[in-house]
N, C-alpha and C. Protein backbone atom coordinates (compact mmCIF):
# COMPACT_ATOMS: atom_id res chain seq x y z
N MET A 1 -12.97 -8.50 12.80
CA MET A 1 -12.34 -7.21 12.55
C MET A 1 -11.35 -6.92 13.67
N MET A 2 -10.12 -6.61 13.37
CA MET A 2 -9.11 -6.30 14.36
C MET A 2 -9.15 -4.82 14.70
N THR A 3 -8.74 -4.46 15.90
CA THR A 3 -8.69 -3.06 16.29
C THR A 3 -7.46 -2.39 15.72
N ALA A 4 -7.44 -1.05 15.80
CA ALA A 4 -6.29 -0.31 15.27
C ALA A 4 -5.02 -0.71 15.98
N SER A 5 -5.09 -0.85 17.31
CA SER A 5 -3.88 -1.18 18.06
C SER A 5 -3.36 -2.56 17.71
N SER A 6 -4.25 -3.50 17.38
CA SER A 6 -3.79 -4.85 17.07
C SER A 6 -3.32 -4.99 15.64
N THR A 7 -3.57 -3.97 14.80
CA THR A 7 -3.15 -4.06 13.41
C THR A 7 -1.88 -3.31 13.11
N ILE A 8 -1.33 -2.58 14.08
CA ILE A 8 -0.18 -1.73 13.79
C ILE A 8 1.02 -2.54 13.32
N VAL A 9 1.10 -3.83 13.71
CA VAL A 9 2.26 -4.62 13.34
C VAL A 9 2.17 -5.16 11.93
N ARG A 10 0.98 -5.13 11.33
CA ARG A 10 0.87 -5.64 9.97
C ARG A 10 -0.09 -4.75 9.19
N ALA A 11 0.28 -3.50 8.99
CA ALA A 11 -0.64 -2.58 8.38
C ALA A 11 0.02 -1.73 7.33
N PHE A 12 -0.79 -1.15 6.48
CA PHE A 12 -0.30 -0.17 5.53
C PHE A 12 -1.45 0.76 5.22
N GLY A 13 -1.19 2.05 5.00
CA GLY A 13 -2.24 2.98 4.67
C GLY A 13 -1.78 4.12 3.82
N LEU A 14 -2.72 4.79 3.18
CA LEU A 14 -2.41 6.00 2.43
C LEU A 14 -3.60 6.92 2.50
N SER A 15 -3.36 8.24 2.61
CA SER A 15 -4.43 9.20 2.68
C SER A 15 -4.78 9.72 1.31
N ALA A 16 -5.10 10.93 1.19
CA ALA A 16 -5.41 11.63 -0.05
C ALA A 16 -6.10 10.77 -1.08
N MET A 17 -7.21 10.26 -0.77
CA MET A 17 -8.08 9.51 -1.69
C MET A 17 -7.33 8.43 -2.44
N PHE A 18 -7.22 7.30 -1.83
CA PHE A 18 -6.30 6.30 -2.32
C PHE A 18 -6.87 4.92 -2.08
N VAL A 19 -6.87 4.07 -3.08
CA VAL A 19 -7.42 2.73 -2.94
C VAL A 19 -6.39 1.71 -3.36
N PHE A 20 -6.24 0.69 -2.55
CA PHE A 20 -5.34 -0.40 -2.88
C PHE A 20 -6.09 -1.70 -2.97
N SER A 21 -5.78 -2.49 -3.95
CA SER A 21 -6.28 -3.84 -4.04
C SER A 21 -5.11 -4.74 -4.38
N LEU A 22 -4.63 -5.48 -3.40
CA LEU A 22 -3.43 -6.29 -3.58
C LEU A 22 -3.85 -7.74 -3.77
N ILE A 23 -3.69 -8.25 -4.99
CA ILE A 23 -4.15 -9.59 -5.32
C ILE A 23 -3.06 -10.31 -6.07
N GLY A 24 -2.98 -11.60 -5.90
CA GLY A 24 -1.89 -12.35 -6.51
C GLY A 24 -2.27 -13.06 -7.78
N CYS A 25 -1.27 -13.69 -8.37
CA CYS A 25 -1.40 -14.48 -9.57
C CYS A 25 -0.57 -15.73 -9.37
N ALA A 26 -0.75 -16.75 -10.19
CA ALA A 26 -0.14 -18.04 -9.94
C ALA A 26 1.26 -18.18 -10.50
N LYS A 27 1.82 -17.18 -11.10
CA LYS A 27 3.17 -17.31 -11.66
C LYS A 27 3.94 -16.02 -11.46
N PRO A 28 5.25 -16.10 -11.21
CA PRO A 28 6.05 -14.90 -10.96
C PRO A 28 6.05 -13.94 -12.15
N ASN A 29 6.26 -14.44 -13.35
CA ASN A 29 6.29 -13.57 -14.53
C ASN A 29 4.87 -13.24 -14.96
N GLY A 30 4.60 -11.95 -15.17
CA GLY A 30 3.25 -11.56 -15.57
C GLY A 30 2.26 -11.63 -14.43
N ALA A 31 2.73 -11.52 -13.16
CA ALA A 31 1.85 -11.67 -12.01
C ALA A 31 0.94 -10.47 -11.81
N VAL A 32 1.26 -9.34 -12.44
CA VAL A 32 0.40 -8.17 -12.34
C VAL A 32 -0.06 -7.77 -13.73
N PRO A 33 -1.31 -7.32 -13.87
CA PRO A 33 -1.84 -6.98 -15.20
C PRO A 33 -1.31 -5.66 -15.71
N ASP A 34 -1.53 -5.41 -16.98
CA ASP A 34 -1.09 -4.15 -17.59
C ASP A 34 -1.96 -2.97 -17.18
N THR A 35 -3.25 -3.22 -16.98
CA THR A 35 -4.18 -2.15 -16.58
C THR A 35 -5.18 -2.69 -15.56
N VAL A 36 -5.73 -1.80 -14.76
CA VAL A 36 -6.82 -2.13 -13.85
C VAL A 36 -7.81 -0.97 -13.83
N LEU A 37 -9.03 -1.25 -13.41
CA LEU A 37 -10.04 -0.21 -13.26
C LEU A 37 -9.95 0.37 -11.86
N VAL A 38 -9.79 1.68 -11.76
CA VAL A 38 -9.64 2.37 -10.48
C VAL A 38 -10.89 3.18 -10.20
N GLU A 39 -11.46 3.02 -9.01
CA GLU A 39 -12.61 3.84 -8.60
C GLU A 39 -12.11 5.03 -7.80
N LEU A 40 -12.42 6.22 -8.29
CA LEU A 40 -11.96 7.46 -7.67
C LEU A 40 -12.91 7.91 -6.56
N PRO A 41 -12.45 8.75 -5.64
CA PRO A 41 -13.28 9.15 -4.50
C PRO A 41 -14.52 9.95 -4.87
N ASP A 42 -14.56 10.54 -6.06
CA ASP A 42 -15.76 11.29 -6.46
C ASP A 42 -16.79 10.39 -7.14
N GLY A 43 -16.53 9.08 -7.15
CA GLY A 43 -17.47 8.12 -7.72
C GLY A 43 -17.21 7.75 -9.17
N THR A 44 -16.31 8.46 -9.84
CA THR A 44 -15.97 8.13 -11.21
C THR A 44 -14.94 6.99 -11.22
N THR A 45 -14.74 6.41 -12.38
CA THR A 45 -13.75 5.35 -12.53
C THR A 45 -12.79 5.70 -13.65
N ALA A 46 -11.61 5.09 -13.62
CA ALA A 46 -10.61 5.31 -14.65
C ALA A 46 -9.82 4.03 -14.85
N THR A 47 -9.40 3.80 -16.08
CA THR A 47 -8.52 2.67 -16.36
C THR A 47 -7.08 3.15 -16.21
N ALA A 48 -6.37 2.60 -15.25
CA ALA A 48 -5.01 3.01 -14.96
C ALA A 48 -4.03 1.94 -15.41
N THR A 49 -2.90 2.37 -15.94
CA THR A 49 -1.88 1.44 -16.41
C THR A 49 -0.88 1.14 -15.29
N LEU A 50 -0.21 0.01 -15.42
CA LEU A 50 0.80 -0.39 -14.44
C LEU A 50 1.85 0.70 -14.28
N GLY A 51 2.08 1.13 -13.05
CA GLY A 51 3.07 2.16 -12.76
C GLY A 51 2.57 3.58 -12.88
N ALA A 52 1.30 3.79 -13.27
CA ALA A 52 0.77 5.15 -13.39
C ALA A 52 0.74 5.82 -12.02
N GLY A 53 0.98 7.12 -12.01
CA GLY A 53 1.05 7.85 -10.75
C GLY A 53 0.04 8.97 -10.65
N VAL A 54 0.18 9.78 -9.62
CA VAL A 54 -0.69 10.90 -9.32
C VAL A 54 0.18 12.13 -9.11
N ALA A 55 -0.03 13.16 -9.91
CA ALA A 55 0.86 14.33 -9.91
C ALA A 55 0.97 14.98 -8.53
N SER A 56 -0.10 14.95 -7.75
CA SER A 56 -0.10 15.60 -6.44
C SER A 56 0.92 15.00 -5.49
N LEU A 57 1.37 13.77 -5.77
CA LEU A 57 2.28 13.08 -4.87
C LEU A 57 3.70 12.99 -5.42
N ALA A 58 3.98 13.68 -6.52
CA ALA A 58 5.29 13.58 -7.17
C ALA A 58 6.43 13.88 -6.22
N ASP A 59 7.45 13.02 -6.27
CA ASP A 59 8.69 13.21 -5.50
C ASP A 59 8.42 13.48 -4.02
N SER A 60 7.57 12.67 -3.43
CA SER A 60 7.26 12.85 -2.01
C SER A 60 7.37 11.52 -1.27
N THR A 61 7.58 11.63 0.04
CA THR A 61 7.64 10.47 0.93
C THR A 61 6.76 10.77 2.14
N TRP A 62 6.00 9.76 2.60
CA TRP A 62 5.04 9.96 3.67
C TRP A 62 5.19 8.88 4.73
N GLU A 63 5.10 9.30 6.00
CA GLU A 63 5.08 8.38 7.13
C GLU A 63 3.64 8.18 7.58
N PHE A 64 3.24 6.91 7.78
CA PHE A 64 1.86 6.59 8.12
C PHE A 64 1.75 6.05 9.54
N TYR A 65 0.75 6.58 10.27
CA TYR A 65 0.51 6.22 11.66
C TYR A 65 -0.95 5.87 11.86
N VAL A 66 -1.23 5.00 12.82
CA VAL A 66 -2.61 4.71 13.17
C VAL A 66 -3.18 5.89 13.94
N THR A 67 -4.34 6.40 13.55
CA THR A 67 -4.97 7.55 14.21
C THR A 67 -5.21 7.24 15.69
N GLY A 68 -4.93 8.23 16.54
CA GLY A 68 -5.13 8.06 17.97
C GLY A 68 -3.85 7.68 18.68
N GLN A 69 -2.97 6.99 17.98
CA GLN A 69 -1.69 6.64 18.58
C GLN A 69 -0.68 7.77 18.38
N VAL A 70 -0.91 8.59 17.35
CA VAL A 70 -0.03 9.71 17.10
C VAL A 70 -0.76 10.75 16.25
N ASN A 71 -0.93 11.96 16.80
CA ASN A 71 -1.61 13.02 16.06
C ASN A 71 -1.38 14.37 16.78
N PRO A 72 -0.46 15.21 16.33
CA PRO A 72 0.47 14.92 15.23
C PRO A 72 1.57 13.96 15.66
N ALA A 73 2.39 13.53 14.74
CA ALA A 73 3.39 12.51 15.03
C ALA A 73 4.56 13.09 15.83
N PRO A 74 4.75 12.65 17.07
CA PRO A 74 5.94 13.09 17.80
C PRO A 74 7.18 12.38 17.27
N ALA A 75 8.32 12.94 17.60
CA ALA A 75 9.57 12.41 17.06
C ALA A 75 9.80 10.95 17.44
N GLN A 76 9.30 10.54 18.62
CA GLN A 76 9.57 9.20 19.08
C GLN A 76 8.58 8.17 18.55
N ALA A 77 7.53 8.59 17.87
CA ALA A 77 6.55 7.65 17.34
C ALA A 77 7.13 6.86 16.18
N THR A 78 6.60 5.66 15.97
CA THR A 78 7.09 4.79 14.90
C THR A 78 5.98 4.59 13.87
N PRO A 79 6.19 4.98 12.61
CA PRO A 79 5.17 4.74 11.57
C PRO A 79 5.07 3.25 11.25
N PHE A 80 3.88 2.82 10.80
CA PHE A 80 3.75 1.42 10.41
C PHE A 80 4.22 1.18 8.98
N VAL A 81 4.39 2.26 8.21
CA VAL A 81 4.98 2.14 6.89
C VAL A 81 5.40 3.54 6.43
N VAL A 82 6.42 3.61 5.60
CA VAL A 82 6.85 4.85 4.96
C VAL A 82 6.74 4.61 3.45
N ILE A 83 5.97 5.46 2.76
CA ILE A 83 5.69 5.25 1.34
C ILE A 83 6.31 6.37 0.51
N SER A 84 7.00 5.99 -0.56
CA SER A 84 7.66 6.96 -1.44
C SER A 84 7.03 6.94 -2.82
N PHE A 85 6.98 8.13 -3.44
CA PHE A 85 6.44 8.31 -4.78
C PHE A 85 7.50 8.92 -5.68
N GLY A 86 7.51 8.54 -6.94
CA GLY A 86 8.50 8.98 -7.90
C GLY A 86 8.14 10.29 -8.58
N PRO A 87 8.90 10.68 -9.61
CA PRO A 87 8.73 11.99 -10.26
C PRO A 87 7.39 12.18 -10.94
N ALA A 88 6.72 11.10 -11.31
CA ALA A 88 5.40 11.21 -11.92
C ALA A 88 4.29 10.88 -10.92
N GLY A 89 4.64 10.83 -9.64
CA GLY A 89 3.67 10.49 -8.61
C GLY A 89 3.38 9.01 -8.52
N GLU A 90 4.22 8.19 -9.16
CA GLU A 90 4.01 6.75 -9.09
C GLU A 90 4.50 6.21 -7.75
N LEU A 91 3.75 5.26 -7.19
CA LEU A 91 4.16 4.65 -5.94
C LEU A 91 5.33 3.73 -6.22
N THR A 92 6.47 4.00 -5.58
CA THR A 92 7.68 3.24 -5.88
C THR A 92 7.99 2.17 -4.85
N ARG A 93 7.77 2.47 -3.56
CA ARG A 93 8.16 1.46 -2.58
C ARG A 93 7.55 1.76 -1.20
N PHE A 94 7.48 0.68 -0.39
CA PHE A 94 7.21 0.77 1.03
C PHE A 94 8.55 0.57 1.74
N GLU A 95 8.82 1.36 2.75
CA GLU A 95 9.95 1.13 3.62
C GLU A 95 9.46 1.07 5.06
N HIS A 96 10.22 0.41 5.93
CA HIS A 96 9.80 0.18 7.31
C HIS A 96 8.41 -0.45 7.31
N ASN A 97 8.18 -1.33 6.36
CA ASN A 97 6.88 -1.94 6.15
C ASN A 97 6.52 -2.91 7.27
N THR A 98 5.31 -2.78 7.81
CA THR A 98 4.79 -3.76 8.76
C THR A 98 3.56 -4.46 8.20
N PHE A 99 3.25 -4.22 6.94
CA PHE A 99 2.13 -4.88 6.27
C PHE A 99 2.58 -6.27 5.82
N ALA A 100 2.16 -7.32 6.55
CA ALA A 100 2.54 -8.69 6.24
C ALA A 100 4.04 -8.80 6.01
N SER A 101 4.81 -8.17 6.88
CA SER A 101 6.26 -8.12 6.68
C SER A 101 6.90 -9.50 6.75
N GLU A 102 6.26 -10.45 7.43
CA GLU A 102 6.78 -11.81 7.47
C GLU A 102 6.83 -12.43 6.08
N ILE A 103 5.99 -11.92 5.18
CA ILE A 103 5.93 -12.43 3.82
C ILE A 103 6.68 -11.52 2.86
N PHE A 104 6.36 -10.23 2.88
CA PHE A 104 6.84 -9.32 1.86
C PHE A 104 8.09 -8.53 2.25
N GLY A 105 8.47 -8.58 3.51
CA GLY A 105 9.71 -7.95 3.93
C GLY A 105 9.56 -6.52 4.40
N ASP A 106 10.68 -5.93 4.82
CA ASP A 106 10.72 -4.57 5.34
C ASP A 106 10.55 -3.53 4.23
N THR A 107 11.02 -3.85 3.03
CA THR A 107 10.90 -2.96 1.88
C THR A 107 10.20 -3.70 0.74
N ILE A 108 9.19 -3.08 0.16
CA ILE A 108 8.46 -3.66 -0.97
C ILE A 108 8.60 -2.71 -2.15
N TYR A 109 9.05 -3.23 -3.28
CA TYR A 109 9.19 -2.44 -4.51
C TYR A 109 8.00 -2.72 -5.42
N PHE A 110 7.30 -1.67 -5.81
CA PHE A 110 6.10 -1.80 -6.64
C PHE A 110 6.44 -1.49 -8.09
N ASP A 111 7.28 -2.33 -8.68
CA ASP A 111 7.73 -2.10 -10.05
C ASP A 111 7.29 -3.21 -11.00
N GLY A 112 6.46 -4.14 -10.54
CA GLY A 112 5.98 -5.21 -11.39
C GLY A 112 6.99 -6.31 -11.63
N GLN A 113 8.15 -6.23 -10.98
CA GLN A 113 9.20 -7.23 -11.15
C GLN A 113 9.22 -8.19 -9.97
N GLN A 114 9.89 -9.32 -10.15
CA GLN A 114 10.01 -10.29 -9.08
C GLN A 114 11.20 -9.93 -8.18
N HIS A 115 10.97 -9.97 -6.85
CA HIS A 115 12.01 -9.65 -5.88
C HIS A 115 12.08 -10.74 -4.82
N ASN A 116 13.29 -11.05 -4.37
CA ASN A 116 13.47 -11.99 -3.29
C ASN A 116 13.16 -11.33 -1.96
N THR A 117 12.80 -12.13 -0.96
CA THR A 117 12.59 -11.64 0.40
C THR A 117 13.67 -12.23 1.30
N SER A 118 13.61 -11.87 2.59
CA SER A 118 14.57 -12.42 3.54
C SER A 118 14.29 -13.89 3.85
N GLN A 119 13.12 -14.37 3.45
CA GLN A 119 12.76 -15.78 3.65
C GLN A 119 13.33 -16.60 2.49
N THR A 120 14.09 -17.63 2.80
CA THR A 120 14.68 -18.47 1.77
C THR A 120 13.61 -19.07 0.88
N GLY A 121 13.75 -18.87 -0.44
CA GLY A 121 12.82 -19.45 -1.40
C GLY A 121 11.53 -18.68 -1.58
N LEU A 122 11.37 -17.55 -0.89
CA LEU A 122 10.14 -16.77 -0.98
C LEU A 122 10.40 -15.47 -1.75
N SER A 123 9.60 -15.18 -2.76
CA SER A 123 9.72 -13.96 -3.55
C SER A 123 8.35 -13.34 -3.72
N TYR A 124 8.31 -12.14 -4.30
CA TYR A 124 7.03 -11.47 -4.52
C TYR A 124 7.10 -10.63 -5.78
N THR A 125 5.94 -10.31 -6.31
CA THR A 125 5.79 -9.36 -7.40
C THR A 125 4.70 -8.36 -7.01
N ALA A 126 4.96 -7.07 -7.19
CA ALA A 126 3.99 -6.05 -6.80
C ALA A 126 3.96 -4.94 -7.84
N GLY A 127 2.79 -4.39 -8.08
CA GLY A 127 2.65 -3.25 -8.98
C GLY A 127 1.50 -2.37 -8.53
N THR A 128 1.55 -1.09 -8.89
CA THR A 128 0.48 -0.17 -8.54
C THR A 128 0.01 0.61 -9.75
N TYR A 129 -1.20 1.17 -9.63
CA TYR A 129 -1.88 1.86 -10.71
C TYR A 129 -2.59 3.06 -10.10
N GLY A 130 -2.23 4.27 -10.52
CA GLY A 130 -2.79 5.47 -9.91
C GLY A 130 -3.63 6.30 -10.86
N ALA A 131 -4.59 7.02 -10.30
CA ALA A 131 -5.42 7.94 -11.07
C ALA A 131 -5.88 9.05 -10.14
N GLU A 132 -6.17 10.22 -10.71
CA GLU A 132 -6.55 11.39 -9.93
C GLU A 132 -7.90 11.91 -10.41
N THR A 133 -8.67 12.52 -9.53
CA THR A 133 -9.94 13.10 -9.92
C THR A 133 -9.70 14.29 -10.86
N SER A 134 -10.71 14.67 -11.61
CA SER A 134 -10.55 15.73 -12.60
C SER A 134 -10.20 17.07 -11.95
N ASP A 135 -10.64 17.28 -10.71
CA ASP A 135 -10.32 18.53 -10.03
C ASP A 135 -9.12 18.39 -9.08
N ALA A 136 -8.47 17.22 -9.11
CA ALA A 136 -7.26 16.95 -8.31
C ALA A 136 -7.51 17.04 -6.80
N THR A 137 -8.77 16.91 -6.38
CA THR A 137 -9.05 16.93 -4.95
C THR A 137 -8.85 15.57 -4.30
N GLY A 138 -8.81 14.56 -5.09
CA GLY A 138 -8.62 13.22 -4.56
C GLY A 138 -8.00 12.32 -5.60
N PHE A 139 -7.54 11.17 -5.16
CA PHE A 139 -6.96 10.21 -6.10
C PHE A 139 -7.12 8.80 -5.60
N ALA A 140 -6.80 7.86 -6.45
CA ALA A 140 -6.90 6.45 -6.08
C ALA A 140 -5.72 5.70 -6.65
N PHE A 141 -5.29 4.68 -5.92
CA PHE A 141 -4.29 3.74 -6.41
C PHE A 141 -4.84 2.33 -6.26
N VAL A 142 -4.55 1.51 -7.20
CA VAL A 142 -4.78 0.08 -7.07
C VAL A 142 -3.42 -0.59 -7.12
N GLY A 143 -3.13 -1.43 -6.17
CA GLY A 143 -1.88 -2.17 -6.17
C GLY A 143 -2.16 -3.66 -6.18
N ARG A 144 -1.35 -4.41 -6.88
CA ARG A 144 -1.52 -5.87 -6.88
C ARG A 144 -0.21 -6.52 -6.49
N LEU A 145 -0.30 -7.46 -5.58
CA LEU A 145 0.90 -8.07 -5.01
C LEU A 145 0.63 -9.52 -4.68
N THR A 146 1.60 -10.37 -4.97
CA THR A 146 1.51 -11.78 -4.59
C THR A 146 2.88 -12.29 -4.21
N ALA A 147 2.90 -13.28 -3.33
CA ALA A 147 4.15 -13.92 -2.92
C ALA A 147 4.23 -15.31 -3.54
N PHE A 148 5.47 -15.75 -3.81
CA PHE A 148 5.70 -17.04 -4.42
C PHE A 148 6.73 -17.84 -3.62
N ALA A 149 6.49 -19.12 -3.49
CA ALA A 149 7.45 -20.04 -2.89
C ALA A 149 7.69 -21.16 -3.89
N ALA A 150 8.94 -21.31 -4.29
CA ALA A 150 9.31 -22.32 -5.28
C ALA A 150 8.49 -22.18 -6.55
N GLY A 151 8.15 -20.94 -6.91
CA GLY A 151 7.40 -20.67 -8.13
C GLY A 151 5.91 -20.82 -8.00
N PHE A 152 5.41 -21.22 -6.83
CA PHE A 152 3.99 -21.40 -6.62
C PHE A 152 3.41 -20.24 -5.81
N ASN A 153 2.15 -19.90 -6.09
CA ASN A 153 1.47 -18.85 -5.35
C ASN A 153 1.47 -19.20 -3.87
N ALA A 154 2.00 -18.30 -3.03
CA ALA A 154 2.11 -18.56 -1.60
C ALA A 154 1.15 -17.70 -0.77
N ALA A 155 0.86 -16.48 -1.22
CA ALA A 155 -0.01 -15.59 -0.46
C ALA A 155 -0.56 -14.50 -1.36
N ASN A 156 -1.82 -14.14 -1.13
CA ASN A 156 -2.46 -13.04 -1.82
C ASN A 156 -2.95 -12.04 -0.79
N ALA A 157 -2.96 -10.76 -1.12
CA ALA A 157 -3.45 -9.75 -0.18
C ALA A 157 -4.35 -8.77 -0.89
N THR A 158 -5.33 -8.26 -0.19
CA THR A 158 -6.22 -7.21 -0.69
C THR A 158 -6.28 -6.10 0.34
N ALA A 159 -6.07 -4.87 -0.09
CA ALA A 159 -6.14 -3.73 0.83
C ALA A 159 -6.87 -2.57 0.17
N THR A 160 -7.61 -1.79 0.96
CA THR A 160 -8.27 -0.59 0.45
C THR A 160 -8.01 0.55 1.41
N ALA A 161 -7.84 1.73 0.87
CA ALA A 161 -7.66 2.91 1.70
C ALA A 161 -8.23 4.12 0.99
N SER A 162 -8.76 5.07 1.73
CA SER A 162 -9.25 6.31 1.15
C SER A 162 -8.96 7.44 2.12
N GLY A 163 -8.85 8.66 1.59
CA GLY A 163 -8.56 9.78 2.47
C GLY A 163 -8.45 11.08 1.70
N THR A 164 -8.05 12.11 2.37
CA THR A 164 -7.92 13.44 1.77
C THR A 164 -6.71 14.16 2.35
N PHE A 165 -6.22 15.14 1.60
CA PHE A 165 -5.24 16.06 2.15
C PHE A 165 -5.93 16.95 3.18
N ASP A 166 -5.24 17.26 4.26
CA ASP A 166 -5.76 18.20 5.24
C ASP A 166 -5.92 19.56 4.56
N ALA A 167 -7.10 20.16 4.68
CA ALA A 167 -7.38 21.43 4.00
C ALA A 167 -6.46 22.55 4.47
N ASN A 168 -5.95 22.45 5.69
CA ASN A 168 -5.10 23.50 6.24
C ASN A 168 -3.62 23.14 6.25
N ASP A 169 -3.31 21.91 5.83
CA ASP A 169 -1.92 21.46 5.89
C ASP A 169 -1.66 20.47 4.76
N PRO A 170 -1.03 20.90 3.67
CA PRO A 170 -0.77 20.01 2.53
C PRO A 170 0.22 18.90 2.86
N ASN A 171 0.84 18.96 4.03
CA ASN A 171 1.79 17.92 4.43
C ASN A 171 1.16 16.85 5.32
N THR A 172 -0.18 16.85 5.39
CA THR A 172 -0.89 15.87 6.21
C THR A 172 -2.00 15.23 5.39
N LEU A 173 -2.13 13.92 5.52
CA LEU A 173 -3.19 13.14 4.90
C LEU A 173 -3.91 12.36 5.98
N THR A 174 -5.22 12.18 5.82
CA THR A 174 -5.98 11.34 6.75
C THR A 174 -6.93 10.44 5.97
N GLY A 175 -7.31 9.31 6.56
CA GLY A 175 -8.23 8.43 5.86
C GLY A 175 -8.48 7.13 6.58
N GLU A 176 -9.11 6.21 5.88
CA GLU A 176 -9.45 4.88 6.40
C GLU A 176 -8.72 3.83 5.59
N PHE A 177 -8.31 2.76 6.26
CA PHE A 177 -7.58 1.69 5.59
C PHE A 177 -8.05 0.33 6.08
N SER A 178 -8.13 -0.62 5.16
CA SER A 178 -8.41 -2.00 5.53
C SER A 178 -7.62 -2.93 4.63
N PHE A 179 -7.34 -4.12 5.12
CA PHE A 179 -6.65 -5.09 4.28
C PHE A 179 -6.91 -6.51 4.77
N SER A 180 -6.70 -7.45 3.87
CA SER A 180 -6.77 -8.87 4.22
C SER A 180 -5.64 -9.60 3.51
N VAL A 181 -5.13 -10.62 4.16
CA VAL A 181 -4.08 -11.47 3.59
C VAL A 181 -4.57 -12.91 3.62
N VAL A 182 -4.45 -13.60 2.51
CA VAL A 182 -4.84 -15.00 2.42
C VAL A 182 -3.61 -15.83 2.09
N ILE A 183 -3.27 -16.76 2.96
CA ILE A 183 -2.15 -17.66 2.75
C ILE A 183 -2.62 -18.85 1.94
N THR A 184 -1.87 -19.23 0.92
CA THR A 184 -2.29 -20.33 0.06
C THR A 184 -1.46 -21.60 0.24
N ILE A 185 -0.34 -21.50 0.98
CA ILE A 185 0.44 -22.70 1.31
C ILE A 185 0.80 -22.64 2.79
N PRO A 186 0.84 -23.77 3.50
CA PRO A 186 1.01 -23.75 4.96
C PRO A 186 2.39 -23.34 5.44
N SER A 187 3.40 -23.33 4.58
CA SER A 187 4.76 -23.04 5.02
C SER A 187 5.05 -21.55 5.17
N VAL A 188 4.15 -20.69 4.69
CA VAL A 188 4.37 -19.25 4.81
C VAL A 188 4.18 -18.82 6.27
N PRO A 189 5.13 -18.04 6.82
CA PRO A 189 5.13 -17.75 8.26
C PRO A 189 4.16 -16.65 8.69
N GLN A 190 2.88 -16.81 8.41
CA GLN A 190 1.88 -15.86 8.88
C GLN A 190 0.51 -16.48 8.69
N THR A 191 -0.45 -16.11 9.53
CA THR A 191 -1.81 -16.58 9.39
C THR A 191 -2.61 -15.58 8.56
N ASN A 192 -3.80 -16.00 8.10
CA ASN A 192 -4.67 -15.08 7.38
C ASN A 192 -5.03 -13.91 8.28
N THR A 193 -5.18 -12.73 7.68
CA THR A 193 -5.37 -11.51 8.46
C THR A 193 -6.43 -10.62 7.83
N ASP A 194 -7.29 -10.03 8.66
CA ASP A 194 -8.23 -9.00 8.23
C ASP A 194 -8.18 -7.87 9.24
N ALA A 195 -8.13 -6.63 8.77
CA ALA A 195 -8.03 -5.49 9.67
C ALA A 195 -8.57 -4.24 9.02
N ALA A 196 -8.99 -3.27 9.87
CA ALA A 196 -9.43 -1.96 9.37
C ALA A 196 -9.17 -0.92 10.44
N PHE A 197 -8.77 0.28 10.05
CA PHE A 197 -8.48 1.34 11.00
C PHE A 197 -8.38 2.68 10.28
N SER A 198 -8.40 3.76 11.07
CA SER A 198 -8.15 5.10 10.55
C SER A 198 -6.66 5.40 10.67
N TYR A 199 -6.17 6.27 9.81
CA TYR A 199 -4.74 6.59 9.85
C TYR A 199 -4.52 8.07 9.56
N ILE A 200 -3.33 8.53 9.90
CA ILE A 200 -2.87 9.88 9.56
C ILE A 200 -1.46 9.73 9.00
N ALA A 201 -1.16 10.49 7.95
CA ALA A 201 0.15 10.42 7.32
C ALA A 201 0.76 11.81 7.25
N HIS A 202 2.08 11.89 7.43
CA HIS A 202 2.78 13.16 7.40
C HIS A 202 3.89 13.10 6.34
N ARG A 203 3.96 14.15 5.53
CA ARG A 203 5.01 14.23 4.52
C ARG A 203 6.38 14.35 5.20
N VAL A 204 7.34 13.61 4.66
CA VAL A 204 8.72 13.74 5.12
C VAL A 204 9.33 14.94 4.42
N VAL A 205 9.64 15.97 5.18
CA VAL A 205 10.18 17.20 4.61
C VAL A 205 11.70 17.21 4.83
N GLN A 206 12.45 17.28 3.74
CA GLN A 206 13.90 17.25 3.83
C GLN A 206 14.45 18.59 4.31
């Protein structure tokens, strides 16, 4: 298990009751399924479709920090990822990404399509699936992502995160995050990784 400080360079997190499971498939086309089963923070489960979102996060962007390194986030602090959500609360992209950035790049688009990376011959496919509790106090996302080199599976990742909105501040999320990355071919520029840490996220207010 890596410490929070050692994971800041390759991490991603989300608060407000959120679960990620990033897993790959052996082919670029159809690399993510149409639906997945999402476990919500209240213990219930829901079948979520590819691209489904959470209304509580509609049209919002959040900066994520490792807890203890920034709380609240000063202007000079650097988030390990910035996550944006679309009009239906669907997770659209990571920016300033440090989660396995050697593989997936600085920006990751979660649209289920194949995208090239800055690494020659390396591409990825990513998709997310969101669901919210019946009382809207929490939510969960499942994301699936894989990297490809020359059309072959190059890396798979699994991540989980959970958290809640701050009861006194709707612009703050807190929670726990963990992830693992498994490299399937030796030419990918990163080693296998496992990490877990607490995080805090702040809404980007325009």
